[in-house]
C-alpha atoms as a PDB file:
ATOM      1  CA  ALA A   1       8.275   0.385  31.228  1.00  0.00           C
ATOM      2  CA  ILE A   2      10.942   3.080  30.865  1.00  0.00           C
ATOM      3  CA  GLU A   3      13.146   1.518  33.573  1.00  0.00           C
ATOM      4  CA  GLN A   4      12.805  -1.902  31.949  1.00  0.00           C
ATOM      5  CA  ALA A   5      13.757  -0.409  28.574  1.00  0.00           C
ATOM      6  CA  LYS A   6      16.896   1.090  30.130  1.00  0.00           C
ATOM      7  CA  GLN A   7      17.821  -2.268  31.665  1.00  0.00           C
ATOM      8  CA  ASN A   8      17.291  -4.034  28.327  1.00  0.00           C
ATOM      9  CA  GLY A   9      19.318  -1.418  26.461  1.00  0.00           C
ATOM     10  CA  ASN A  10      16.385  -0.301  24.296  1.00  0.00           C
ATOM     11  CA  ASP A  11      16.804   3.021  22.485  1.00  0.00           C
ATOM     12  CA  ILE A  12      13.120   3.880  22.113  1.00  0.00           C
ATOM     13  CA  VAL A  13      10.028   3.529  24.282  1.00  0.00           C
ATOM     14  CA  ILE A  14       6.638   4.379  22.781  1.00  0.00           C
ATOM     15  CA  VAL A  15       3.997   5.339  25.334  1.00  0.00           C
ATOM     16  CA  ASP A  16       0.575   5.018  23.717  1.00  0.00           C
ATOM     17  CA  THR A  17      -2.181   6.715  25.713  1.00  0.00           C
ATOM     18  CA  ALA A  18      -5.924   6.164  25.446  1.00  0.00           C
ATOM     19  CA  GLY A  19      -7.912   8.389  23.109  1.00  0.00           C
ATOM     20  CA  ARG A  20      -9.679  11.312  24.739  1.00  0.00           C
ATOM     21  CA  LEU A  21     -11.779  14.379  23.982  1.00  0.00           C
ATOM     22  CA  ALA A  22     -10.396  17.870  24.526  1.00  0.00           C
ATOM     23  CA  ILE A  23     -13.586  18.827  26.401  1.00  0.00           C
ATOM     24  CA  ASP A  24     -13.020  16.084  29.017  1.00  0.00           C
ATOM     25  CA  GLU A  25     -11.144  18.065  31.668  1.00  0.00           C
ATOM     26  CA  GLN A  26     -10.341  15.041  33.846  1.00  0.00           C
ATOM     27  CA  MET A  27      -8.823  13.124  30.941  1.00  0.00           C
ATOM     28  CA  MET A  28      -6.866  16.174  29.793  1.00  0.00           C
ATOM     29  CA  ASN A  29      -5.442  16.638  33.304  1.00  0.00           C
ATOM     30  CA  GLU A  30      -4.451  12.977  33.248  1.00  0.00           C
ATOM     31  CA  ILE A  31      -2.545  13.260  29.960  1.00  0.00           C
ATOM     32  CA  GLU A  32      -0.741  16.361  31.242  1.00  0.00           C
ATOM     33  CA  ALA A  33       0.301  14.391  34.331  1.00  0.00           C
ATOM     34  CA  VAL A  34       1.535  11.498  32.165  1.00  0.00           C
ATOM     35  CA  LYS A  35       3.712  13.825  30.107  1.00  0.00           C
ATOM     36  CA  LYS A  36       5.149  15.444  33.212  1.00  0.00           C
ATOM     37  CA  ALA A  37       5.903  12.055  34.798  1.00  0.00           C
ATOM     38  CA  ILE A  38       7.726  10.483  31.848  1.00  0.00           C
ATOM     39  CA  ASN A  39       9.243  13.663  30.348  1.00  0.00           C
ATOM     40  CA  PRO A  40       9.265  12.328  26.740  1.00  0.00           C
ATOM     41  CA  SER A  41      11.811  13.478  24.171  1.00  0.00           C
ATOM     42  CA  GLU A  42       9.011  13.747  21.614  1.00  0.00           C
ATOM     43  CA  THR A  43       5.226  13.994  21.857  1.00  0.00           C
ATOM     44  CA  LEU A  44       3.124  13.148  18.804  1.00  0.00           C
ATOM     45  CA  PHE A  45      -0.555  13.994  18.464  1.00  0.00           C
ATOM     46  CA  VAL A  46      -2.520  11.311  16.571  1.00  0.00           C
ATOM     47  CA  VAL A  47      -5.629  12.596  14.806  1.00  0.00           C
ATOM     48  CA  ASP A  48      -8.260  11.099  12.489  1.00  0.00           C
ATOM     49  CA  ALA A  49      -8.143  12.880   9.104  1.00  0.00           C
ATOM     50  CA  MET A  50     -11.795  11.960   8.463  1.00  0.00           C
ATOM     51  CA  THR A  51     -13.010  14.350  11.185  1.00  0.00           C
ATOM     52  CA  GLY A  52     -12.137  17.420   9.087  1.00  0.00           C
ATOM     53  CA  GLN A  53     -12.459  20.731  10.944  1.00  0.00           C
ATOM     54  CA  ASP A  54     -12.970  18.903  14.254  1.00  0.00           C
ATOM     55  CA  ALA A  55      -9.450  17.512  13.852  1.00  0.00           C
ATOM     56  CA  VAL A  56      -8.108  21.061  13.610  1.00  0.00           C
ATOM     57  CA  ASN A  57      -9.982  22.237  16.723  1.00  0.00           C
ATOM     58  CA  THR A  58      -8.872  19.172  18.693  1.00  0.00           C
ATOM     59  CA  ALA A  59      -5.256  19.639  17.607  1.00  0.00           C
ATOM     60  CA  LYS A  60      -5.300  23.237  18.860  1.00  0.00           C
ATOM     61  CA  GLU A  61      -6.716  22.237  22.258  1.00  0.00           C
ATOM     62  CA  PHE A  62      -4.156  19.475  22.744  1.00  0.00           C
ATOM     63  CA  ASN A  63      -1.273  21.660  21.607  1.00  0.00           C
ATOM     64  CA  ASP A  64      -2.271  24.383  24.085  1.00  0.00           C
ATOM     65  CA  ARG A  65      -2.149  21.835  26.916  1.00  0.00           C
ATOM     66  CA  LEU A  66       0.743  19.581  25.839  1.00  0.00           C
ATOM     67  CA  ASP A  67       2.831  21.580  23.355  1.00  0.00           C
ATOM     68  CA  PHE A  68       3.389  18.478  21.208  1.00  0.00           C
ATOM     69  CA  ASN A  69       6.216  18.154  18.645  1.00  0.00           C
ATOM     70  CA  GLY A  70       4.315  16.856  15.648  1.00  0.00           C
ATOM     71  CA  VAL A  71       1.197  15.226  14.241  1.00  0.00           C
ATOM     72  CA  VAL A  72       0.328  11.741  12.977  1.00  0.00           C
ATOM     73  CA  LEU A  73      -2.588  11.940  10.526  1.00  0.00           C
ATOM     74  CA  THR A  74      -4.523   8.653  10.267  1.00  0.00           C
ATOM     75  CA  LYS A  75      -7.262   7.189   8.023  1.00  0.00           C
ATOM     76  CA  LEU A  76      -5.964   8.754   4.830  1.00  0.00           C
ATOM     77  CA  ASP A  77      -7.158   5.598   3.069  1.00  0.00           C
ATOM     78  CA  GLY A  78     -10.729   6.875   3.389  1.00  0.00           C
ATOM     79  CA  ASP A  79     -12.581   9.338   1.156  1.00  0.00           C
ATOM     80  CA  THR A  80     -10.681  12.318   2.558  1.00  0.00           C
ATOM     81  CA  ARG A  81      -7.717  13.614   0.561  1.00  0.00           C
ATOM     82  CA  GLY A  82      -5.922  15.109   3.538  1.00  0.00           C
ATOM     83  CA  GLY A  83      -7.004  18.749   3.536  1.00  0.00           C
ATOM     84  CA  ALA A  84      -6.921  18.588   7.344  1.00  0.00           C
ATOM     85  CA  ALA A  85      -3.119  18.345   7.089  1.00  0.00           C
ATOM     86  CA  LEU A  86      -2.905  21.886   5.715  1.00  0.00           C
ATOM     87  CA  SER A  87      -5.262  23.324   8.330  1.00  0.00           C
ATOM     88  CA  ILE A  88      -3.565  21.628  11.298  1.00  0.00           C
ATOM     89  CA  ARG A  89      -0.119  22.736  10.132  1.00  0.00           C
ATOM     90  CA  SER A  90      -1.365  26.310   9.828  1.00  0.00           C
ATOM     91  CA  VAL A  91      -3.242  26.482  13.157  1.00  0.00           C
ATOM     92  CA  VAL A  92      -0.781  24.778  15.548  1.00  0.00           C
ATOM     93  CA  ASN A  93       2.425  25.493  13.592  1.00  0.00           C
ATOM     94  CA  LYS A  94       3.649  21.935  14.169  1.00  0.00           C
ATOM     95  CA  PRO A  95       4.787  19.548  11.407  1.00  0.00           C
ATOM     96  CA  ILE A  96       2.838  16.550  10.138  1.00  0.00           C
ATOM     97  CA  LYS A  97       5.411  13.789  10.693  1.00  0.00           C
ATOM     98  CA  PHE A  98       3.606  10.583   9.741  1.00  0.00           C
ATOM     99  CA  VAL A  99       0.454   9.521   7.907  1.00  0.00           C
ATOM    100  CA  GLY A 100      -1.513   6.304   8.318  1.00  0.00           C
ATOM    101  CA  THR A 101      -3.370   4.596   5.479  1.00  0.00           C
ATOM    102  CA  GLY A 102      -4.385   1.371   7.244  1.00  0.00           C
ATOM    103  CA  GLU A 103      -4.114  -0.722  10.392  1.00  0.00           C
ATOM    104  CA  LYS A 104      -0.830  -2.551   9.736  1.00  0.00           C
ATOM    105  CA  MET A 105       2.726  -1.350  10.400  1.00  0.00           C
ATOM    106  CA  GLU A 106       3.522  -0.983   6.698  1.00  0.00           C
ATOM    107  CA  ALA A 107       0.569   1.424   6.382  1.00  0.00           C
ATOM    108  CA  LEU A 108       2.413   4.046   8.463  1.00  0.00           C
ATOM    109  CA  ASP A 109       4.468   6.334   6.201  1.00  0.00           C
ATOM    110  CA  VAL A 110       6.639   9.410   6.577  1.00  0.00           C
ATOM    111  CA  PHE A 111       4.702  12.528   5.565  1.00  0.00           C
ATOM    112  CA  HIS A 112       5.767  14.134   2.261  1.00  0.00           C
ATOM    113  CA  PRO A 113       4.157  17.597   1.782  1.00  0.00           C
ATOM    114  CA  GLU A 114       4.514  17.643  -2.018  1.00  0.00           C
ATOM    115  CA  ARG A 115       2.829  14.248  -2.356  1.00  0.00           C
ATOM    116  CA  MET A 116      -0.004  15.313  -0.080  1.00  0.00           C
ATOM    117  CA  ALA A 117      -0.480  18.405  -2.246  1.00  0.00           C
ATOM    118  CA  ASP A 118      -0.872  16.150  -5.305  1.00  0.00           C
ATOM    119  CA  ARG A 119      -3.352  14.004  -3.411  1.00  0.00           C
ATOM    120  CA  ILE A 120      -5.438  17.001  -2.321  1.00  0.00           C
ATOM    121  CA  LEU A 121      -5.545  18.181  -5.937  1.00  0.00           C
ATOM    122  CA  GLY A 122      -6.588  14.698  -7.092  1.00  0.00           C
ATOM    123  CA  MET A 123      -3.332  14.146  -8.986  1.00  0.00           C
ATOM    124  CA  GLY A 124      -2.448  10.844  -7.286  1.00  0.00           C
ATOM    125  CA  ASP A 125       0.871   9.893  -5.689  1.00  0.00           C
ATOM    126  CA  ILE A 126       2.832   7.874  -8.215  1.00  0.00           C
ATOM    127  CA  VAL A 127       6.133   8.302  -6.304  1.00  0.00           C
ATOM    128  CA  SER A 128       4.785   6.514  -3.217  1.00  0.00           C
ATOM    129  CA  LEU A 129       3.325   3.796  -5.435  1.00  0.00           C
ATOM    130  CA  VAL A 130       6.730   3.174  -7.043  1.00  0.00           C
ATOM    131  CA  GLU A 131       8.408   3.138  -3.616  1.00  0.00           C
ATOM    132  CA  LYS A 132       5.932   0.545  -2.329  1.00  0.00           C
ATOM    133  CA  ALA A 133       6.608  -1.599  -5.394  1.00  0.00           C
ATOM    134  CA  GLN A 134      10.384  -1.321  -4.915  1.00  0.00           C
ATOM    135  CA  GLU A 135      10.030  -2.485  -1.305  1.00  0.00           C
ATOM    136  CA  GLN A 136       8.282  -5.698  -2.370  1.00  0.00           C
ATOM    137  CA  PHE A 137       9.905  -6.650  -5.687  1.00  0.00           C
ATOM    138  CA  ASP A 138      13.333  -8.283  -5.631  1.00  0.00           C
ATOM    139  CA  ALA A 139      15.633  -7.204  -8.486  1.00  0.00           C
ATOM    140  CA  GLU A 140      17.125 -10.682  -8.991  1.00  0.00           C
ATOM    141  CA  GLU A 141      13.693 -12.325  -9.045  1.00  0.00           C
ATOM    142  CA  ALA A 142      12.527  -9.683 -11.529  1.00  0.00           C
ATOM    143  CA  ARG A 143      15.420 -10.568 -13.870  1.00  0.00           C
ATOM    144  CA  LYS A 144      14.567 -14.274 -13.660  1.00  0.00           C
ATOM    145  CA  LEU A 145      10.924 -13.500 -14.370  1.00  0.00           C
ATOM    146  CA  GLN A 146      11.873 -11.362 -17.365  1.00  0.00           C
ATOM    147  CA  LYS A 147      13.808 -14.282 -18.856  1.00  0.00           C
ATOM    148  CA  LYS A 148      10.832 -16.617 -18.352  1.00  0.00           C
ATOM    149  CA  ILE A 149       8.495 -14.106 -19.994  1.00  0.00           C
ATOM    150  CA  ALA A 150      10.834 -13.725 -22.974  1.00  0.00           C
ATOM    151  CA  LYS A 151      10.812 -17.528 -23.433  1.00  0.00           C
ATOM    152  CA  ASN A 152       7.014 -17.653 -22.986  1.00  0.00           C
ATOM    153  CA  GLN A 153       7.471 -19.743 -19.818  1.00  0.00           C
ATOM    154  CA  PHE A 154       5.443 -17.507 -17.488  1.00  0.00           C
ATOM    155  CA  ASN A 155       3.129 -19.874 -15.579  1.00  0.00           C
ATOM    156  CA  PHE A 156       0.547 -19.901 -12.784  1.00  0.00           C
ATOM    157  CA  ASN A 157       3.233 -20.233 -10.094  1.00  0.00           C
ATOM    158  CA  ASP A 158       4.686 -16.929 -11.316  1.00  0.00           C
ATOM    159  CA  PHE A 159       1.171 -15.485 -11.483  1.00  0.00           C
ATOM    160  CA  LEU A 160       0.584 -16.443  -7.825  1.00  0.00           C
ATOM    161  CA  SER A 161       3.892 -14.878  -6.840  1.00  0.00           C
ATOM    162  CA  GLN A 162       2.922 -11.585  -8.502  1.00  0.00           C
ATOM    163  CA  ILE A 163      -0.450 -11.571  -6.709  1.00  0.00           C
ATOM    164  CA  SER A 164       1.300 -12.166  -3.376  1.00  0.00           C
ATOM    165  CA  GLN A 165       3.659  -9.231  -3.929  1.00  0.00           C
ATOM    166  CA  ILE A 166       0.813  -6.901  -4.920  1.00  0.00           C
ATOM    167  CA  LYS A 167      -1.131  -7.857  -1.778  1.00  0.00           C
ATOM    168  CA  LYS A 168       1.894  -7.032   0.395  1.00  0.00           C
ATOM    169  CA  MET A 169       1.903  -3.494  -1.006  1.00  0.00           C
ATOM    170  CA  GLY A 170      -1.286  -2.657   0.900  1.00  0.00           C
ATOM    171  CA  ASN A 171      -4.950  -1.784   0.450  1.00  0.00           C
ATOM    172  CA  LEU A 172      -5.976  -2.162  -3.217  1.00  0.00           C
ATOM    173  CA  LYS A 173      -8.160   0.957  -3.348  1.00  0.00           C
ATOM    174  CA  ASP A 174      -5.426   3.001  -1.684  1.00  0.00           C
ATOM    175  CA  LEU A 175      -2.863   1.735  -4.216  1.00  0.00           C
ATOM    176  CA  ALA A 176      -5.190   2.556  -7.108  1.00  0.00           C
ATOM    177  CA  SER A 177      -5.800   6.059  -5.716  1.00  0.00           C
ATOM    178  CA  MET A 178      -2.058   6.772  -6.075  1.00  0.00           C
ATOM    179  CA  ILE A 179      -2.375   6.509  -9.863  1.00  0.00           C
ATOM    180  CA  PRO A 180      -3.088   9.974 -11.346  1.00  0.00           C
ATOM    181  CA  GLY A 181      -6.733  10.300 -12.391  1.00  0.00           C
ATOM    182  CA  VAL A 182      -7.791   6.946 -10.940  1.00  0.00           C
ATOM    183  CA  GLY A 183      -8.455   8.000  -7.337  1.00  0.00           C
ATOM    184  CA  LYS A 184     -11.315  10.320  -8.297  1.00  0.00           C
ATOM    185  CA  ALA A 185     -12.902   7.670 -10.519  1.00  0.00           C
ATOM    186  CA  LEU A 186     -12.810   5.127  -7.676  1.00  0.00           C
ATOM    187  CA  LYS A 187     -14.173   7.466  -5.001  1.00  0.00           C
ATOM    188  CA  ASP A 188     -17.611   5.801  -4.824  1.00  0.00           C
ATOM    189  CA  ILE A 189     -16.463   2.311  -5.838  1.00  0.00           C
ATOM    190  CA  ASP A 190     -15.786  -0.307  -3.178  1.00  0.00           C
ATOM    191  CA  ILE A 191     -12.735  -2.468  -3.942  1.00  0.00           C
ATOM    192  CA  ASP A 192     -12.668  -5.616  -1.840  1.00  0.00           C
ATOM    193  CA  ASP A 193      -9.227  -6.530  -0.466  1.00  0.00           C
ATOM    194  CA  ASP A 194     -10.289 -10.166  -0.913  1.00  0.00           C
ATOM    195  CA  ALA A 195     -10.623  -9.646  -4.669  1.00  0.00           C
ATOM    196  CA  PHE A 196      -7.787 -12.114  -5.322  1.00  0.00           C
ATOM    197  CA  LYS A 197      -9.238 -14.920  -3.181  1.00  0.00           C
ATOM    198  CA  GLY A 198     -11.275 -16.457  -6.007  1.00  0.00           C
ATOM    199  CA  VAL A 199      -8.279 -16.381  -8.352  1.00  0.00           C
ATOM    200  CA  GLU A 200      -6.019 -17.939  -5.715  1.00  0.00           C
ATOM    201  CA  ALA A 201      -8.598 -20.655  -4.963  1.00  0.00           C
ATOM    202  CA  ILE A 202      -8.719 -21.629  -8.641  1.00  0.00           C
ATOM    203  CA  ILE A 203      -4.920 -21.737  -8.981  1.00  0.00           C
ATOM    204  CA  PHE A 204      -4.478 -23.714  -5.741  1.00  0.00           C
ATOM    205  CA  SER A 205      -6.980 -26.274  -7.077  1.00  0.00           C
ATOM    206  CA  MET A 206      -4.645 -26.999  -9.996  1.00  0.00           C
ATOM    207  CA  THR A 207      -2.051 -29.754  -9.768  1.00  0.00           C
ATOM    208  CA  PRO A 208       1.646 -28.717  -9.640  1.00  0.00           C
ATOM    209  CA  ALA A 209       1.994 -29.914 -13.242  1.00  0.00           C
ATOM    210  CA  GLU A 210      -0.987 -27.793 -14.367  1.00  0.00           C
ATOM    211  CA  ARG A 211       0.380 -24.684 -12.658  1.00  0.00           C
ATOM    212  CA  GLU A 212       3.732 -25.286 -14.335  1.00  0.00           C
ATOM    213  CA  ASP A 213       2.231 -25.987 -17.776  1.00  0.00           C
ATOM    214  CA  PRO A 214      -1.215 -24.352 -18.278  1.00  0.00           C
ATOM    215  CA  LYS A 215      -1.564 -26.065 -21.687  1.00  0.00           C
ATOM    216  CA  LEU A 216      -2.447 -29.275 -19.830  1.00  0.00           C
ATOM    217  CA  ILE A 217      -5.696 -27.746 -18.568  1.00  0.00           C
ATOM    218  CA  ASN A 218      -8.362 -29.160 -20.890  1.00  0.00           C
ATOM    219  CA  GLY A 219     -12.152 -29.246 -20.465  1.00  0.00           C
ATOM    220  CA  SER A 220     -12.338 -32.095 -17.927  1.00  0.00           C
ATOM    221  CA  ARG A 221      -9.504 -30.604 -15.871  1.00  0.00           C
ATOM    222  CA  ARG A 222     -11.267 -27.242 -15.818  1.00  0.00           C
ATOM    223  CA  LYS A 223     -14.385 -28.891 -14.385  1.00  0.00           C
ATOM    224  CA  ARG A 224     -12.301 -30.578 -11.672  1.00  0.00           C
ATOM    225  CA  ILE A 225     -10.589 -27.260 -10.844  1.00  0.00           C
ATOM    226  CA  ALA A 226     -13.965 -25.465 -10.648  1.00  0.00           C
ATOM    227  CA  ASP A 227     -15.352 -28.125  -8.286  1.00  0.00           C
ATOM    228  CA  GLY A 228     -12.223 -28.029  -6.127  1.00  0.00           C
ATOM    229  CA  SER A 229     -12.184 -24.228  -5.830  1.00  0.00           C
ATOM    230  CA  GLY A 230     -15.917 -23.778  -5.261  1.00  0.00           C
ATOM    231  CA  THR A 231     -16.236 -21.730  -8.449  1.00  0.00           C
ATOM    232  CA  SER A 232     -17.870 -22.274 -11.839  1.00  0.00           C
ATOM    233  CA  ILE A 233     -16.352 -23.475 -15.115  1.00  0.00           C
ATOM    234  CA  GLN A 234     -17.111 -20.004 -16.508  1.00  0.00           C
ATOM    235  CA  GLU A 235     -14.930 -18.415 -13.813  1.00  0.00           C
ATOM    236  CA  VAL A 236     -12.110 -20.871 -14.527  1.00  0.00           C
ATOM    237  CA  ASN A 237     -12.411 -20.146 -18.265  1.00  0.00           C
ATOM    238  CA  ARG A 238     -12.359 -16.410 -17.555  1.00  0.00           C
ATOM    239  CA  LEU A 239      -9.166 -16.747 -15.503  1.00  0.00           C
ATOM    240  CA  MET A 240      -7.529 -18.888 -18.194  1.00  0.00           C
ATOM    241  CA  LYS A 241      -8.368 -16.267 -20.813  1.00  0.00           C
ATOM    242  CA  GLN A 242      -7.092 -13.410 -18.634  1.00  0.00           C
ATOM    243  CA  PHE A 243      -3.917 -15.367 -17.901  1.00  0.00           C
ATOM    244  CA  GLU A 244      -3.230 -15.951 -21.611  1.00  0.00           C
ATOM    245  CA  GLU A 245      -3.870 -12.284 -22.419  1.00  0.00           C
ATOM    246  CA  THR A 246      -1.551 -11.233 -19.586  1.00  0.00           C
ATOM    247  CA  ARG A 247       1.144 -13.609 -20.798  1.00  0.00           C
ATOM    248  CA  LYS A 248       0.898 -12.287 -24.373  1.00  0.00           C
ATOM    249  CA  MET A 249       1.019  -8.668 -23.203  1.00  0.00           C
ATOM    250  CA  MET A 250       4.029  -9.322 -20.954  1.00  0.00           C
ATOM    251  CA  ARG A 251       5.864 -11.065 -23.780  1.00  0.00           C
ATOM    252  CA  LEU A 252       5.191  -8.155 -26.142  1.00  0.00           C
ATOM    253  CA  MET A 253       6.504  -5.716 -23.529  1.00  0.00           C
ATOM    254  CA  SER A 254       9.573  -7.886 -23.052  1.00  0.00           C
ATOM    255  CA  LYS A 255      10.229  -7.895 -26.789  1.00  0.00           C
ATOM    256  CA  GLY A 256       9.803  -4.131 -26.858  1.00  0.00           C
ATOM    257  CA  GLY A 257      12.434  -3.768 -24.145  1.00  0.00           C
ATOM    258  CA  ASN A 258      14.906  -5.920 -26.065  1.00  0.00           C
ATOM    259  CA  MET A 259      14.252  -3.926 -29.209  1.00  0.00           C
ATOM    260  CA  SER A 260      15.001  -0.683 -27.356  1.00  0.00           C
ATOM    261  CA  LYS A 261      18.341  -2.106 -26.220  1.00  0.00           C
ATOM    262  CA  MET A 262      19.157  -3.161 -29.777  1.00  0.00           C
ATOM    263  CA  MET A 263      18.302   0.304 -31.076  1.00  0.00           C
ATOM    264  CA  GLY A 264      20.494   1.844 -28.391  1.00  0.00           C
ATOM    265  CA  GLY A 265      23.368  -0.405 -29.474  1.00  0.00           C
ATOM    266  CA  LEU A 266      22.895   0.558 -33.109  1.00  0.00           C
ATOM    267  CA  LYS A 267      22.999   4.259 -32.245  1.00  0.00           C
ATOM    268  CA  ARG A 268      26.228   3.811 -30.307  1.00  0.00           C
ATOM    269  CA  LYS A 269      27.769   1.952 -33.248  1.00  0.00           C
ATOM    270  CA  LYS A 270      26.749   4.744 -35.623  1.00  0.00           C
ATOM    271  CA  ARG A 271      28.483   7.332 -33.419  1.00  0.00           C
ATOM    272  CA  ARG A 272      31.711   5.382 -33.749  1.00  0.00           C
END
């Protein structure tokens, strides 16, 4: 694999070895032999944060045998807050380089000590939440959406787009846990990542004209939408009500923003 990477002009080769226990001498000898054979520029130890003190003991055993460069702490999307990060750093004196909060590529993040400290203390991680949002939301699209909201033209197509962007940000419970004070409240509550499926089914059962102009959706249309989405009329009515409340709230916020700009302009004029 390394020779092929050199021939292809690749800069990085990641050698992922099978998981093993520190007490398995044969497997530990094997991993030592692998390291000696490939002579890697960096060796990262991947450990499950949910295992607590066992993670610390395992890290020490592996470091004694392999002298790794850093640690990747996984499963931080579980109930654990990451206290193992502090213990591992103290015992092996090697940095935590990355943390994993899911199974997809976007769930692997660079480790930030100050944010982990907030998480351990139950204070959330609002900075990471904002960064995830910035990665998914396009500034130009946001400006267009703001104009539509100001004109009360926000429709179900826009609503679908917002849902899609939120889903791309990652696990819903993990996102909620980044909000200060919310993570602790949600500790024993299961948030299904498919929570939006019912909403999407209802919206996809609308005609293009209905998604564009929700005012068209009368009683008979609501029944057709419920039948088409496999939901009830009550669920369709609930979504319609939530949509209208969301639209009103967004318009009020938009007006508030414009008012702030006007006030700022007035203050500047007064200074002149």
